[in-house]
């Protein structure tokens, strides 16, 4: 029996979590426009990593940011308005990486795929993530125990919560 099957079998009797419904008065019907200033801040704070799919190295984009930022903002806003992104943004270079050093390099199961995306694809993803996170936070739609993809939350936050819950349960007998 595989690991996944073993977990499914051991948790089969566990009741499903009932996700509470929260009515909101606001809707995510449109996106806030991307500004040139926002693009400049995003690019300036980005790492200098370049993907094979990038037509220009990231350092050059940063160097020419004053000229490029208005066009990048226009591209992102057009993507928001149409609900589409360029076909180039839907491509990735997938590299197999060994899960842990010392594993047999001849075994495919010892590798995990890592997708390298173009610089602009990552920037657009960051803009979307910021907008979506702001909407979820402003409407109190994120579970308070959600740690992934949230500022000031990490696996340490989750471990602290579980540890606290264990201590409370022990106190209650």
N, C-alpha and C. Protein backbone atom coordinates (compact mmCIF):
# COMPACT_ATOMS: atom_id res chain seq x y z
N UNK A 1 0.85 -1.19 0.00
CA UNK A 1 0.00 0.00 0.00
C UNK A 1 0.90 1.25 0.00
N UNK A 2 0.56 2.22 -0.84
CA UNK A 2 1.33 3.45 -0.92
C UNK A 2 1.03 4.39 0.23
N UNK A 3 1.85 5.42 0.37
CA UNK A 3 1.67 6.40 1.44
C UNK A 3 0.31 7.08 1.38
N UNK A 4 -0.09 7.49 0.19
CA UNK A 4 -1.37 8.19 0.04
C UNK A 4 -2.52 7.28 0.41
N UNK A 5 -2.48 6.03 -0.05
CA UNK A 5 -3.54 5.08 0.30
C UNK A 5 -3.59 4.83 1.80
N UNK A 6 -2.43 4.76 2.43
CA UNK A 6 -2.38 4.54 3.89
C UNK A 6 -3.01 5.71 4.63
N UNK A 7 -2.73 6.93 4.21
CA UNK A 7 -3.33 8.10 4.85
C UNK A 7 -4.83 8.11 4.63
N UNK A 8 -5.28 7.82 3.41
CA UNK A 8 -6.72 7.79 3.12
C UNK A 8 -7.43 6.75 3.99
N UNK A 9 -6.83 5.58 4.12
CA UNK A 9 -7.44 4.52 4.92
C UNK A 9 -7.52 4.92 6.39
N UNK A 10 -6.45 5.51 6.90
CA UNK A 10 -6.42 5.86 8.32
C UNK A 10 -7.32 7.05 8.66
N UNK A 11 -7.69 7.84 7.67
CA UNK A 11 -8.54 9.00 7.93
C UNK A 11 -9.94 8.87 7.33
N UNK A 12 -10.28 7.68 6.84
CA UNK A 12 -11.57 7.48 6.16
C UNK A 12 -12.76 7.78 7.07
N UNK A 13 -12.63 7.49 8.36
CA UNK A 13 -13.75 7.70 9.28
C UNK A 13 -13.82 9.13 9.82
N UNK A 14 -12.85 9.94 9.51
CA UNK A 14 -12.83 11.32 9.99
C UNK A 14 -13.91 12.13 9.28
N UNK A 15 -14.76 12.81 10.04
CA UNK A 15 -15.81 13.60 9.38
C UNK A 15 -15.22 14.76 8.59
N UNK A 16 -15.86 15.11 7.51
CA UNK A 16 -15.41 16.23 6.69
C UNK A 16 -15.58 17.54 7.45
N UNK A 17 -14.69 18.47 7.18
CA UNK A 17 -14.78 19.79 7.80
C UNK A 17 -15.88 20.58 7.10
N UNK A 18 -16.78 21.11 7.88
CA UNK A 18 -17.87 21.90 7.34
C UNK A 18 -17.41 23.36 7.23
N UNK A 19 -17.18 23.79 6.00
CA UNK A 19 -16.71 25.15 5.78
C UNK A 19 -17.90 26.10 5.96
N UNK A 20 -17.79 27.02 6.92
CA UNK A 20 -18.92 27.92 7.15
C UNK A 20 -19.09 28.90 5.99
N UNK A 21 -20.34 29.19 5.68
CA UNK A 21 -20.64 30.15 4.62
C UNK A 21 -20.65 31.54 5.22
N UNK A 22 -19.98 32.47 4.56
CA UNK A 22 -19.97 33.86 5.00
C UNK A 22 -20.52 34.73 3.89
N UNK A 23 -21.63 35.35 4.14
CA UNK A 23 -22.20 36.26 3.15
C UNK A 23 -21.42 37.57 3.19
N UNK A 24 -21.18 38.13 2.03
CA UNK A 24 -20.49 39.42 1.96
C UNK A 24 -21.32 40.39 1.14
N UNK A 25 -21.11 41.65 1.41
CA UNK A 25 -21.83 42.66 0.65
C UNK A 25 -21.06 43.08 -0.59
N UNK A 26 -19.74 42.83 -0.58
CA UNK A 26 -18.94 43.22 -1.74
C UNK A 26 -18.67 42.02 -2.62
N UNK A 27 -18.34 42.31 -3.86
CA UNK A 27 -18.03 41.27 -4.83
C UNK A 27 -16.71 41.60 -5.52
N UNK A 28 -16.06 40.57 -5.96
CA UNK A 28 -14.82 40.75 -6.70
C UNK A 28 -15.19 40.75 -8.18
N UNK A 29 -15.84 41.84 -8.60
CA UNK A 29 -16.31 41.94 -9.97
C UNK A 29 -15.32 42.58 -10.91
N UNK A 30 -14.38 43.32 -10.35
CA UNK A 30 -13.37 43.95 -11.18
C UNK A 30 -12.10 44.11 -10.36
N UNK A 31 -11.01 44.35 -11.08
CA UNK A 31 -9.71 44.49 -10.44
C UNK A 31 -9.33 45.96 -10.38
N UNK A 32 -8.65 46.33 -9.33
CA UNK A 32 -8.10 47.68 -9.23
C UNK A 32 -6.99 47.81 -10.27
N UNK A 33 -6.96 48.93 -10.96
CA UNK A 33 -5.96 49.13 -12.01
C UNK A 33 -4.55 49.09 -11.44
N UNK A 34 -3.65 48.53 -12.23
CA UNK A 34 -2.24 48.48 -11.87
C UNK A 34 -1.61 49.81 -12.25
N UNK A 35 -0.90 50.40 -11.33
CA UNK A 35 -0.27 51.70 -11.60
C UNK A 35 1.20 51.53 -11.97
N UNK A 36 1.74 52.54 -12.61
CA UNK A 36 3.16 52.54 -12.98
C UNK A 36 4.00 52.48 -11.71
N UNK A 37 3.59 53.21 -10.69
CA UNK A 37 4.31 53.21 -9.41
C UNK A 37 4.34 51.81 -8.80
N UNK A 38 3.22 51.10 -8.88
CA UNK A 38 3.14 49.74 -8.35
C UNK A 38 4.09 48.81 -9.11
N UNK A 39 4.12 48.93 -10.42
CA UNK A 39 5.03 48.12 -11.24
C UNK A 39 6.48 48.41 -10.86
N UNK A 40 6.79 49.69 -10.70
CA UNK A 40 8.17 50.06 -10.35
C UNK A 40 8.58 49.46 -9.01
N UNK A 41 7.69 49.49 -8.03
CA UNK A 41 7.99 48.92 -6.71
C UNK A 41 8.15 47.40 -6.80
N UNK A 42 7.27 46.74 -7.55
CA UNK A 42 7.35 45.29 -7.71
C UNK A 42 8.67 44.88 -8.36
N UNK A 43 9.01 45.54 -9.44
CA UNK A 43 10.24 45.20 -10.17
C UNK A 43 11.46 45.49 -9.30
N UNK A 44 11.46 46.62 -8.62
CA UNK A 44 12.61 46.99 -7.78
C UNK A 44 12.82 45.98 -6.65
N UNK A 45 11.75 45.42 -6.11
CA UNK A 45 11.87 44.48 -4.99
C UNK A 45 12.06 43.03 -5.44
N UNK A 46 11.95 42.77 -6.73
CA UNK A 46 12.09 41.41 -7.24
C UNK A 46 13.55 40.97 -7.24
N UNK A 47 13.74 39.67 -7.12
CA UNK A 47 15.08 39.10 -7.18
C UNK A 47 15.59 39.17 -8.62
N UNK A 48 16.89 39.16 -8.77
CA UNK A 48 17.50 39.23 -10.10
C UNK A 48 17.61 37.85 -10.75
N UNK A 49 16.53 37.09 -10.75
CA UNK A 49 16.52 35.78 -11.38
C UNK A 49 15.96 35.92 -12.79
N UNK A 50 16.57 35.23 -13.71
CA UNK A 50 16.12 35.26 -15.09
C UNK A 50 15.83 33.84 -15.54
N UNK A 51 14.77 33.68 -16.29
CA UNK A 51 14.35 32.38 -16.83
C UNK A 51 14.72 32.33 -18.32
N UNK A 52 14.89 31.14 -18.84
CA UNK A 52 15.17 30.97 -20.27
C UNK A 52 14.09 31.60 -21.15
N UNK A 53 12.89 31.72 -20.62
CA UNK A 53 11.77 32.26 -21.39
C UNK A 53 11.79 33.78 -21.47
N UNK A 54 12.57 34.42 -20.63
CA UNK A 54 12.63 35.89 -20.62
C UNK A 54 13.35 36.41 -21.86
N UNK A 55 12.75 37.37 -22.55
CA UNK A 55 13.43 37.93 -23.72
C UNK A 55 14.61 38.83 -23.34
N UNK A 56 14.62 39.30 -22.11
CA UNK A 56 15.72 40.15 -21.62
C UNK A 56 16.02 39.76 -20.18
N UNK A 57 17.26 39.86 -19.76
CA UNK A 57 17.60 39.53 -18.38
C UNK A 57 16.94 40.51 -17.39
N UNK A 58 16.66 40.02 -16.22
CA UNK A 58 15.98 40.82 -15.20
C UNK A 58 16.75 42.09 -14.86
N UNK A 59 18.07 41.99 -14.79
CA UNK A 59 18.87 43.18 -14.46
C UNK A 59 18.65 44.29 -15.48
N UNK A 60 18.46 43.92 -16.76
CA UNK A 60 18.24 44.91 -17.80
C UNK A 60 16.85 45.54 -17.67
N UNK A 61 15.86 44.72 -17.33
CA UNK A 61 14.50 45.24 -17.09
C UNK A 61 14.54 46.25 -15.95
N UNK A 62 15.28 45.92 -14.90
CA UNK A 62 15.39 46.84 -13.76
C UNK A 62 16.09 48.14 -14.17
N UNK A 63 17.11 48.00 -14.98
CA UNK A 63 17.86 49.18 -15.42
C UNK A 63 17.01 50.09 -16.31
N UNK A 64 16.13 49.51 -17.10
CA UNK A 64 15.30 50.27 -18.04
C UNK A 64 13.88 50.48 -17.51
N UNK A 65 13.71 50.34 -16.22
CA UNK A 65 12.39 50.36 -15.60
C UNK A 65 11.60 51.63 -15.88
N UNK A 66 12.25 52.77 -15.88
CA UNK A 66 11.56 54.03 -16.15
C UNK A 66 10.84 54.02 -17.49
N UNK A 67 11.45 53.40 -18.50
CA UNK A 67 10.84 53.32 -19.83
C UNK A 67 9.82 52.19 -19.93
N UNK A 68 10.08 51.07 -19.24
CA UNK A 68 9.25 49.87 -19.40
C UNK A 68 8.01 49.84 -18.51
N UNK A 69 8.05 50.46 -17.34
CA UNK A 69 6.96 50.36 -16.36
C UNK A 69 5.59 50.75 -16.92
N UNK A 70 5.46 51.84 -17.70
CA UNK A 70 4.13 52.17 -18.23
C UNK A 70 3.57 51.08 -19.16
N UNK A 71 4.46 50.44 -19.91
CA UNK A 71 4.00 49.39 -20.82
C UNK A 71 3.62 48.11 -20.07
N UNK A 72 4.37 47.81 -19.02
CA UNK A 72 4.05 46.65 -18.18
C UNK A 72 2.71 46.87 -17.48
N UNK A 73 2.49 48.07 -16.95
CA UNK A 73 1.21 48.39 -16.30
C UNK A 73 0.07 48.27 -17.30
N UNK A 74 0.27 48.77 -18.51
CA UNK A 74 -0.75 48.67 -19.56
C UNK A 74 -1.05 47.22 -19.90
N UNK A 75 -0.02 46.39 -20.02
CA UNK A 75 -0.19 44.97 -20.30
C UNK A 75 -0.97 44.27 -19.19
N UNK A 76 -0.61 44.53 -17.94
CA UNK A 76 -1.31 43.91 -16.81
C UNK A 76 -2.76 44.36 -16.74
N UNK A 77 -3.02 45.65 -16.96
CA UNK A 77 -4.40 46.15 -16.93
C UNK A 77 -5.23 45.55 -18.06
N UNK A 78 -4.63 45.40 -19.23
CA UNK A 78 -5.34 44.78 -20.35
C UNK A 78 -5.66 43.33 -20.02
N UNK A 79 -4.75 42.66 -19.35
CA UNK A 79 -4.98 41.28 -18.92
C UNK A 79 -6.16 41.22 -17.94
N UNK A 80 -6.21 42.17 -17.00
CA UNK A 80 -7.33 42.22 -16.05
C UNK A 80 -8.64 42.52 -16.76
N UNK A 81 -8.62 43.47 -17.69
CA UNK A 81 -9.84 43.88 -18.39
C UNK A 81 -10.42 42.75 -19.25
N UNK A 82 -9.55 41.99 -19.90
CA UNK A 82 -10.01 40.95 -20.81
C UNK A 82 -10.15 39.59 -20.14
N UNK A 83 -9.50 39.42 -19.00
CA UNK A 83 -9.53 38.12 -18.34
C UNK A 83 -8.59 37.13 -19.01
N UNK A 84 -7.70 37.63 -19.84
CA UNK A 84 -6.75 36.77 -20.56
C UNK A 84 -5.33 37.24 -20.30
N UNK A 85 -4.41 36.31 -20.42
CA UNK A 85 -3.00 36.68 -20.34
C UNK A 85 -2.32 36.19 -21.60
N UNK A 86 -1.21 36.79 -21.97
CA UNK A 86 -0.51 36.36 -23.18
C UNK A 86 -0.14 34.88 -23.13
N UNK A 87 -0.14 34.24 -24.28
CA UNK A 87 0.20 32.81 -24.37
C UNK A 87 1.57 32.54 -23.77
N UNK A 88 2.50 33.49 -23.91
CA UNK A 88 3.84 33.32 -23.37
C UNK A 88 3.83 33.20 -21.84
N UNK A 89 2.82 33.77 -21.20
CA UNK A 89 2.71 33.70 -19.74
C UNK A 89 2.24 32.32 -19.28
N UNK A 90 1.83 31.48 -20.21
CA UNK A 90 1.31 30.15 -19.87
C UNK A 90 2.35 29.06 -20.12
N UNK A 91 3.60 29.47 -20.27
CA UNK A 91 4.68 28.53 -20.51
C UNK A 91 5.62 28.52 -19.31
N UNK A 92 6.26 27.38 -19.11
CA UNK A 92 7.24 27.25 -18.03
C UNK A 92 8.35 26.31 -18.49
N UNK A 93 9.52 26.51 -17.93
CA UNK A 93 10.62 25.58 -18.12
C UNK A 93 10.62 24.69 -16.88
N UNK A 94 10.36 23.40 -17.07
CA UNK A 94 10.27 22.48 -15.95
C UNK A 94 11.59 21.73 -15.80
N UNK A 95 12.15 21.83 -14.60
CA UNK A 95 13.44 21.19 -14.30
C UNK A 95 13.24 20.16 -13.18
N UNK A 96 13.72 18.94 -13.38
CA UNK A 96 13.63 17.96 -12.29
C UNK A 96 14.73 18.21 -11.27
N UNK A 97 14.37 18.30 -10.00
CA UNK A 97 15.34 18.48 -8.92
C UNK A 97 15.27 17.29 -7.97
N UNK A 98 16.42 16.84 -7.54
CA UNK A 98 16.49 15.73 -6.60
C UNK A 98 15.86 16.18 -5.28
N UNK A 99 14.97 15.34 -4.72
CA UNK A 99 14.27 15.71 -3.49
C UNK A 99 15.23 15.88 -2.32
N UNK A 100 16.17 14.97 -2.18
CA UNK A 100 17.18 15.05 -1.11
C UNK A 100 18.50 14.56 -1.66
N UNK A 101 19.58 15.15 -1.19
CA UNK A 101 20.88 14.67 -1.64
C UNK A 101 21.09 13.25 -1.11
N UNK A 102 21.76 12.45 -1.90
CA UNK A 102 22.01 11.07 -1.49
C UNK A 102 21.01 10.07 -2.06
N UNK A 103 19.90 10.56 -2.63
CA UNK A 103 18.94 9.65 -3.23
C UNK A 103 19.47 9.13 -4.56
N UNK A 104 18.96 7.99 -4.96
CA UNK A 104 19.38 7.37 -6.22
C UNK A 104 18.94 8.24 -7.39
N UNK A 105 19.91 8.75 -8.13
CA UNK A 105 19.61 9.65 -9.25
C UNK A 105 18.99 8.93 -10.44
N UNK A 106 19.04 7.61 -10.44
CA UNK A 106 18.44 6.84 -11.54
C UNK A 106 16.94 6.63 -11.36
N UNK A 107 16.45 6.88 -10.15
CA UNK A 107 15.01 6.68 -9.84
C UNK A 107 14.23 7.97 -10.06
N UNK A 108 13.27 7.94 -10.96
CA UNK A 108 12.48 9.14 -11.24
C UNK A 108 11.67 9.61 -10.04
N UNK A 109 11.25 8.70 -9.17
CA UNK A 109 10.43 9.08 -8.01
C UNK A 109 11.21 9.95 -7.02
N UNK A 110 12.54 9.99 -7.16
CA UNK A 110 13.36 10.79 -6.27
C UNK A 110 13.49 12.24 -6.71
N UNK A 111 12.78 12.60 -7.77
CA UNK A 111 12.83 13.96 -8.29
C UNK A 111 11.48 14.65 -8.10
N UNK A 112 11.53 15.97 -8.02
CA UNK A 112 10.30 16.77 -8.02
C UNK A 112 10.44 17.80 -9.13
N UNK A 113 9.32 18.10 -9.80
CA UNK A 113 9.40 19.09 -10.88
C UNK A 113 9.37 20.51 -10.33
N UNK A 114 10.21 21.35 -10.87
CA UNK A 114 10.22 22.76 -10.51
C UNK A 114 9.98 23.56 -11.79
N UNK A 115 8.94 24.38 -11.77
CA UNK A 115 8.59 25.18 -12.94
C UNK A 115 9.19 26.56 -12.83
N UNK A 116 9.97 26.94 -13.82
CA UNK A 116 10.54 28.29 -13.88
C UNK A 116 9.68 29.12 -14.82
N UNK A 117 9.15 30.21 -14.30
CA UNK A 117 8.28 31.10 -15.07
C UNK A 117 9.03 32.36 -15.47
N UNK A 118 8.51 33.01 -16.50
CA UNK A 118 9.14 34.26 -16.93
C UNK A 118 8.95 35.33 -15.86
N UNK A 119 9.80 36.33 -15.91
CA UNK A 119 9.79 37.42 -14.93
C UNK A 119 8.44 38.14 -14.90
N UNK A 120 7.90 38.48 -16.07
CA UNK A 120 6.62 39.20 -16.12
C UNK A 120 5.47 38.32 -15.64
N UNK A 121 5.53 37.03 -15.90
CA UNK A 121 4.49 36.11 -15.41
C UNK A 121 4.45 36.12 -13.90
N UNK A 122 5.64 36.09 -13.28
CA UNK A 122 5.70 36.13 -11.81
C UNK A 122 5.20 37.46 -11.27
N UNK A 123 5.51 38.55 -11.95
CA UNK A 123 5.02 39.86 -11.51
C UNK A 123 3.50 39.94 -11.58
N UNK A 124 2.93 39.47 -12.68
CA UNK A 124 1.47 39.49 -12.81
C UNK A 124 0.83 38.61 -11.73
N UNK A 125 1.43 37.46 -11.47
CA UNK A 125 0.93 36.58 -10.41
C UNK A 125 0.95 37.26 -9.05
N UNK A 126 1.99 38.04 -8.80
CA UNK A 126 2.09 38.77 -7.53
C UNK A 126 1.00 39.84 -7.42
N UNK A 127 0.73 40.53 -8.52
CA UNK A 127 -0.32 41.55 -8.52
C UNK A 127 -1.67 40.90 -8.24
N UNK A 128 -1.96 39.79 -8.91
CA UNK A 128 -3.24 39.08 -8.72
C UNK A 128 -3.34 38.60 -7.27
N UNK A 129 -2.26 38.02 -6.76
CA UNK A 129 -2.27 37.52 -5.40
C UNK A 129 -2.52 38.64 -4.40
N UNK A 130 -1.89 39.79 -4.60
CA UNK A 130 -2.10 40.94 -3.71
C UNK A 130 -3.55 41.41 -3.73
N UNK A 131 -4.13 41.49 -4.94
CA UNK A 131 -5.52 41.94 -5.07
C UNK A 131 -6.49 40.95 -4.42
N UNK A 132 -6.27 39.69 -4.68
CA UNK A 132 -7.14 38.66 -4.12
C UNK A 132 -7.02 38.59 -2.60
N UNK A 133 -5.79 38.68 -2.11
CA UNK A 133 -5.58 38.65 -0.66
C UNK A 133 -6.25 39.84 0.02
N UNK A 134 -6.16 41.01 -0.59
CA UNK A 134 -6.79 42.21 -0.02
C UNK A 134 -8.31 42.03 0.03
N UNK A 135 -8.89 41.46 -1.02
CA UNK A 135 -10.33 41.22 -1.04
C UNK A 135 -10.73 40.24 0.06
N UNK A 136 -10.01 39.14 0.16
CA UNK A 136 -10.33 38.13 1.18
C UNK A 136 -10.17 38.69 2.59
N UNK A 137 -9.11 39.46 2.82
CA UNK A 137 -8.89 40.04 4.14
C UNK A 137 -9.95 41.09 4.48
N UNK A 138 -10.28 41.96 3.52
CA UNK A 138 -11.25 43.02 3.80
C UNK A 138 -12.65 42.48 4.04
N UNK A 139 -12.93 41.29 3.54
CA UNK A 139 -14.24 40.67 3.75
C UNK A 139 -14.20 39.55 4.78
N UNK A 140 -13.09 39.45 5.50
CA UNK A 140 -12.91 38.44 6.55
C UNK A 140 -13.25 37.03 6.04
N UNK A 141 -12.75 36.71 4.85
CA UNK A 141 -13.05 35.41 4.24
C UNK A 141 -11.94 34.38 4.42
N UNK A 142 -10.82 34.78 4.99
CA UNK A 142 -9.73 33.83 5.23
C UNK A 142 -9.89 33.23 6.62
N UNK A 143 -9.80 31.91 6.73
CA UNK A 143 -9.83 31.31 8.08
C UNK A 143 -8.68 31.87 8.90
N UNK A 144 -8.92 32.11 10.16
CA UNK A 144 -7.90 32.71 11.01
C UNK A 144 -6.70 31.77 11.20
N UNK A 145 -6.91 30.48 10.98
CA UNK A 145 -5.83 29.52 11.12
C UNK A 145 -5.08 29.27 9.81
N UNK A 146 -5.48 29.93 8.75
CA UNK A 146 -4.80 29.79 7.46
C UNK A 146 -3.42 30.43 7.54
N UNK A 147 -2.39 29.67 7.25
CA UNK A 147 -1.03 30.22 7.32
C UNK A 147 -0.37 30.36 5.97
N UNK A 148 -0.67 29.48 5.05
CA UNK A 148 0.01 29.52 3.74
C UNK A 148 -0.40 30.77 2.97
N UNK A 149 0.58 31.36 2.29
CA UNK A 149 0.37 32.51 1.41
C UNK A 149 -0.15 33.74 2.13
N UNK A 150 0.19 33.88 3.41
CA UNK A 150 -0.24 35.06 4.16
C UNK A 150 0.97 35.73 4.79
N UNK A 151 0.95 37.07 4.79
CA UNK A 151 2.02 37.81 5.44
C UNK A 151 2.00 37.52 6.94
N UNK A 152 3.18 37.45 7.50
CA UNK A 152 3.37 37.24 8.93
C UNK A 152 2.83 35.90 9.42
N UNK A 153 2.67 34.93 8.51
CA UNK A 153 2.27 33.58 8.86
C UNK A 153 3.26 32.61 8.23
N UNK A 154 3.47 31.48 8.89
CA UNK A 154 4.40 30.49 8.37
C UNK A 154 4.07 29.14 8.98
N UNK A 155 4.93 28.16 8.72
CA UNK A 155 4.75 26.87 9.36
C UNK A 155 4.92 27.01 10.87
N UNK A 156 5.73 27.97 11.30
CA UNK A 156 5.89 28.21 12.74
C UNK A 156 4.57 28.66 13.37
N UNK A 157 3.81 29.47 12.64
CA UNK A 157 2.51 29.92 13.13
C UNK A 157 1.59 28.72 13.34
N UNK A 158 1.60 27.81 12.37
CA UNK A 158 0.76 26.63 12.45
C UNK A 158 1.21 25.72 13.59
N UNK A 159 2.50 25.50 13.72
CA UNK A 159 3.01 24.65 14.79
C UNK A 159 2.66 25.25 16.16
N UNK A 160 2.78 26.56 16.29
CA UNK A 160 2.41 27.22 17.55
C UNK A 160 0.94 27.01 17.88
N UNK A 161 0.08 27.11 16.86
CA UNK A 161 -1.36 26.92 17.06
C UNK A 161 -1.65 25.48 17.50
N UNK A 162 -1.07 24.51 16.82
CA UNK A 162 -1.29 23.10 17.17
C UNK A 162 -0.77 22.82 18.57
N UNK A 163 0.42 23.33 18.88
CA UNK A 163 1.00 23.13 20.21
C UNK A 163 0.09 23.74 21.28
N UNK A 164 -0.41 24.94 21.05
CA UNK A 164 -1.32 25.58 21.99
C UNK A 164 -2.60 24.76 22.17
N UNK A 165 -3.14 24.24 21.05
CA UNK A 165 -4.34 23.42 21.14
C UNK A 165 -4.09 22.15 21.93
N UNK A 166 -2.90 21.56 21.77
CA UNK A 166 -2.55 20.36 22.55
C UNK A 166 -2.45 20.68 24.04
N UNK A 167 -1.86 21.80 24.37
CA UNK A 167 -1.76 22.21 25.78
C UNK A 167 -3.14 22.45 26.38
N UNK A 168 -4.02 23.12 25.63
CA UNK A 168 -5.38 23.35 26.12
C UNK A 168 -6.13 22.04 26.31
N UNK A 169 -5.96 21.11 25.38
CA UNK A 169 -6.62 19.80 25.50
C UNK A 169 -6.08 19.03 26.71
N UNK A 170 -4.78 19.11 26.93
CA UNK A 170 -4.19 18.45 28.09
C UNK A 170 -4.71 19.06 29.39
N UNK A 171 -4.86 20.37 29.44
CA UNK A 171 -5.39 21.04 30.62
C UNK A 171 -6.82 20.61 30.91
N UNK A 172 -7.57 20.32 29.85
CA UNK A 172 -8.97 19.92 30.02
C UNK A 172 -9.09 18.42 30.27
N UNK A 173 -7.98 17.71 30.27
CA UNK A 173 -7.99 16.28 30.54
C UNK A 173 -8.28 15.45 29.33
